[in-house]
N, C-alpha and C. Protein backbone atom coordinates (compact mmCIF):
# COMPACT_ATOMS: atom_id res chain seq x y z
N MET A 1 -9.18 3.52 10.91
CA MET A 1 -8.34 2.85 11.88
C MET A 1 -7.63 3.83 12.81
N LEU A 2 -7.19 4.94 12.26
CA LEU A 2 -6.42 5.89 13.06
C LEU A 2 -7.28 6.84 13.88
N GLU A 3 -8.46 7.13 13.41
CA GLU A 3 -9.30 8.12 14.10
C GLU A 3 -9.64 7.72 15.53
N PRO A 4 -9.98 6.46 15.83
CA PRO A 4 -10.25 6.10 17.24
C PRO A 4 -9.02 6.22 18.13
N LEU A 5 -7.83 6.11 17.55
CA LEU A 5 -6.61 6.22 18.35
C LEU A 5 -6.34 7.64 18.83
N THR A 6 -7.02 8.63 18.25
CA THR A 6 -6.82 10.01 18.71
C THR A 6 -7.47 10.27 20.07
N SER A 7 -8.26 9.33 20.55
CA SER A 7 -8.87 9.49 21.87
C SER A 7 -8.36 8.43 22.87
N GLU A 8 -7.22 7.87 22.61
CA GLU A 8 -6.59 6.90 23.51
C GLU A 8 -6.11 7.60 24.78
N ARG A 9 -5.76 6.81 25.77
CA ARG A 9 -5.26 7.38 27.04
C ARG A 9 -3.80 7.80 26.96
N VAL A 10 -3.00 7.05 26.22
CA VAL A 10 -1.56 7.28 26.17
C VAL A 10 -1.26 8.42 25.20
N ASP A 11 -0.52 9.41 25.67
CA ASP A 11 -0.23 10.59 24.85
C ASP A 11 0.58 10.28 23.60
N PHE A 12 1.53 9.34 23.71
CA PHE A 12 2.35 8.98 22.55
C PHE A 12 1.49 8.39 21.43
N VAL A 13 0.52 7.60 21.80
CA VAL A 13 -0.37 6.99 20.82
C VAL A 13 -1.22 8.06 20.14
N ARG A 14 -1.76 8.97 20.93
CA ARG A 14 -2.58 10.05 20.37
C ARG A 14 -1.76 10.93 19.43
N GLN A 15 -0.56 11.27 19.85
CA GLN A 15 0.30 12.10 19.01
C GLN A 15 0.62 11.40 17.69
N GLY A 16 0.98 10.14 17.75
CA GLY A 16 1.29 9.39 16.54
C GLY A 16 0.09 9.25 15.62
N ALA A 17 -1.08 9.03 16.20
CA ALA A 17 -2.30 8.89 15.40
C ALA A 17 -2.63 10.19 14.69
N MET A 18 -2.47 11.31 15.38
CA MET A 18 -2.77 12.60 14.75
C MET A 18 -1.78 12.91 13.63
N LEU A 19 -0.52 12.62 13.85
CA LEU A 19 0.47 12.85 12.80
C LEU A 19 0.23 11.94 11.60
N ALA A 20 -0.12 10.70 11.85
CA ALA A 20 -0.41 9.78 10.75
C ALA A 20 -1.65 10.21 9.98
N LEU A 21 -2.69 10.65 10.68
CA LEU A 21 -3.89 11.15 10.01
C LEU A 21 -3.57 12.37 9.14
N SER A 22 -2.73 13.23 9.65
CA SER A 22 -2.41 14.43 8.87
C SER A 22 -1.62 14.06 7.62
N MET A 23 -0.75 13.07 7.71
CA MET A 23 0.01 12.63 6.53
C MET A 23 -0.91 12.03 5.47
N ILE A 24 -1.96 11.39 5.91
CA ILE A 24 -2.93 10.83 4.96
C ILE A 24 -3.79 11.94 4.37
N LEU A 25 -4.26 12.84 5.23
CA LEU A 25 -5.19 13.88 4.77
C LEU A 25 -4.51 15.01 4.02
N ILE A 26 -3.19 15.07 4.04
CA ILE A 26 -2.49 16.11 3.27
C ILE A 26 -2.73 15.92 1.78
N GLN A 27 -3.06 14.70 1.38
CA GLN A 27 -3.26 14.38 -0.03
C GLN A 27 -4.70 14.57 -0.48
N HIS A 28 -5.59 14.97 0.42
CA HIS A 28 -7.01 15.07 0.10
C HIS A 28 -7.55 16.44 0.48
N ASN A 29 -8.60 16.86 -0.20
CA ASN A 29 -9.32 18.06 0.20
C ASN A 29 -10.68 17.66 0.74
N ASP A 30 -11.53 18.64 1.05
CA ASP A 30 -12.83 18.35 1.68
C ASP A 30 -13.77 17.58 0.75
N GLN A 31 -13.64 17.77 -0.55
CA GLN A 31 -14.51 17.05 -1.48
C GLN A 31 -14.09 15.59 -1.61
N MET A 32 -12.80 15.32 -1.55
CA MET A 32 -12.31 13.95 -1.68
C MET A 32 -12.49 13.15 -0.41
N ALA A 33 -12.35 13.79 0.73
CA ALA A 33 -12.47 13.12 2.03
C ALA A 33 -13.31 13.99 2.95
N PRO A 34 -14.63 13.74 3.00
CA PRO A 34 -15.50 14.58 3.84
C PRO A 34 -15.15 14.54 5.33
N LYS A 35 -14.48 13.49 5.79
CA LYS A 35 -14.09 13.41 7.19
C LYS A 35 -13.00 14.40 7.56
N SER A 36 -12.31 14.93 6.58
CA SER A 36 -11.16 15.78 6.87
C SER A 36 -11.55 17.04 7.65
N SER A 37 -12.70 17.61 7.36
CA SER A 37 -13.11 18.81 8.11
C SER A 37 -13.40 18.48 9.57
N ARG A 38 -14.00 17.31 9.82
CA ARG A 38 -14.27 16.90 11.20
C ARG A 38 -12.97 16.64 11.95
N ILE A 39 -12.02 16.04 11.27
CA ILE A 39 -10.73 15.75 11.91
C ILE A 39 -9.98 17.05 12.21
N ARG A 40 -10.05 18.02 11.28
CA ARG A 40 -9.42 19.31 11.52
C ARG A 40 -10.05 20.02 12.72
N LYS A 41 -11.37 19.92 12.85
CA LYS A 41 -12.05 20.51 14.02
C LYS A 41 -11.62 19.82 15.31
N ASN A 42 -11.38 18.52 15.24
CA ASN A 42 -10.88 17.78 16.40
C ASN A 42 -9.49 18.27 16.79
N PHE A 43 -8.64 18.54 15.81
CA PHE A 43 -7.31 19.10 16.10
C PHE A 43 -7.46 20.46 16.78
N ASP A 44 -8.36 21.30 16.28
CA ASP A 44 -8.59 22.61 16.90
C ASP A 44 -9.05 22.46 18.35
N LYS A 45 -9.95 21.50 18.58
CA LYS A 45 -10.46 21.29 19.93
C LYS A 45 -9.35 20.85 20.88
N ILE A 46 -8.50 19.96 20.43
CA ILE A 46 -7.40 19.47 21.27
C ILE A 46 -6.42 20.60 21.57
N ILE A 47 -6.13 21.42 20.58
CA ILE A 47 -5.20 22.54 20.78
C ILE A 47 -5.77 23.53 21.79
N GLY A 48 -7.06 23.76 21.74
CA GLY A 48 -7.68 24.75 22.62
C GLY A 48 -7.98 24.27 24.03
N GLU A 49 -7.96 22.95 24.26
CA GLU A 49 -8.28 22.44 25.59
C GLU A 49 -7.16 22.70 26.57
N LYS A 50 -7.56 23.08 27.76
CA LYS A 50 -6.59 23.44 28.80
C LYS A 50 -5.94 22.22 29.45
N HIS A 51 -6.66 21.12 29.54
CA HIS A 51 -6.19 19.98 30.31
C HIS A 51 -5.59 18.86 29.46
N GLU A 52 -5.24 19.15 28.23
CA GLU A 52 -4.59 18.15 27.39
C GLU A 52 -3.11 18.08 27.75
N GLY A 53 -2.53 16.91 27.52
CA GLY A 53 -1.11 16.75 27.77
C GLY A 53 -0.28 17.47 26.71
N PRO A 54 0.96 17.82 27.08
CA PRO A 54 1.80 18.56 26.13
C PRO A 54 2.12 17.77 24.87
N LEU A 55 2.31 16.46 24.99
CA LEU A 55 2.58 15.65 23.80
C LEU A 55 1.39 15.63 22.85
N THR A 56 0.21 15.53 23.41
CA THR A 56 -1.00 15.51 22.60
C THR A 56 -1.19 16.84 21.90
N LYS A 57 -1.00 17.93 22.63
CA LYS A 57 -1.14 19.25 22.03
C LYS A 57 -0.11 19.48 20.93
N PHE A 58 1.12 19.08 21.19
CA PHE A 58 2.17 19.24 20.19
C PHE A 58 1.86 18.44 18.93
N GLY A 59 1.35 17.22 19.11
CA GLY A 59 0.96 16.41 17.96
C GLY A 59 -0.17 17.05 17.18
N ALA A 60 -1.13 17.64 17.88
CA ALA A 60 -2.26 18.29 17.20
C ALA A 60 -1.80 19.54 16.45
N ILE A 61 -0.87 20.28 17.04
CA ILE A 61 -0.36 21.48 16.37
C ILE A 61 0.39 21.11 15.11
N LEU A 62 1.26 20.11 15.20
CA LEU A 62 2.00 19.67 14.02
C LEU A 62 1.06 19.10 12.96
N ALA A 63 0.10 18.30 13.39
CA ALA A 63 -0.84 17.69 12.46
C ALA A 63 -1.67 18.75 11.74
N GLN A 64 -2.10 19.75 12.47
CA GLN A 64 -2.89 20.81 11.85
C GLN A 64 -2.05 21.58 10.83
N GLY A 65 -0.80 21.80 11.15
CA GLY A 65 0.09 22.48 10.19
C GLY A 65 0.30 21.67 8.94
N ILE A 66 0.46 20.37 9.08
CA ILE A 66 0.66 19.50 7.93
C ILE A 66 -0.59 19.47 7.06
N VAL A 67 -1.76 19.33 7.67
CA VAL A 67 -3.00 19.28 6.91
C VAL A 67 -3.25 20.61 6.21
N ASN A 68 -3.00 21.72 6.89
CA ASN A 68 -3.21 23.03 6.28
C ASN A 68 -2.25 23.28 5.14
N ALA A 69 -1.04 22.75 5.22
CA ALA A 69 -0.10 22.88 4.10
C ALA A 69 -0.63 22.14 2.88
N GLY A 70 -1.23 20.99 3.10
CA GLY A 70 -1.82 20.24 1.99
C GLY A 70 -3.02 20.94 1.40
N LEU A 71 -3.80 21.63 2.22
CA LEU A 71 -4.97 22.36 1.71
C LEU A 71 -4.55 23.48 0.77
N PHE A 72 -3.42 24.09 1.06
CA PHE A 72 -2.93 25.17 0.22
C PHE A 72 -2.59 24.66 -1.19
N PHE A 73 -1.99 23.49 -1.27
CA PHE A 73 -1.56 22.96 -2.56
C PHE A 73 -2.66 22.26 -3.33
N PHE A 74 -3.62 21.65 -2.64
CA PHE A 74 -4.64 20.85 -3.31
C PHE A 74 -5.97 21.55 -3.46
N SER A 75 -6.06 22.81 -3.09
CA SER A 75 -7.33 23.52 -3.23
C SER A 75 -7.50 24.09 -4.62
């Protein structure tokens, strides 16, 4: 449900979707949720894109930090 919202037009929606996805994926590793690696790559792509909005980039940066914190504890 949340993954399609990461490509919405409105920056607030994208930011919220990425943060919500990271809160869900913090509890899973790659074996439990195979989609998590694809979602992490999507966060990397958004962070690296030049023409993304600041809210979207900030949401991706926070989401990536949250997911990576979960990887440290659940690996």
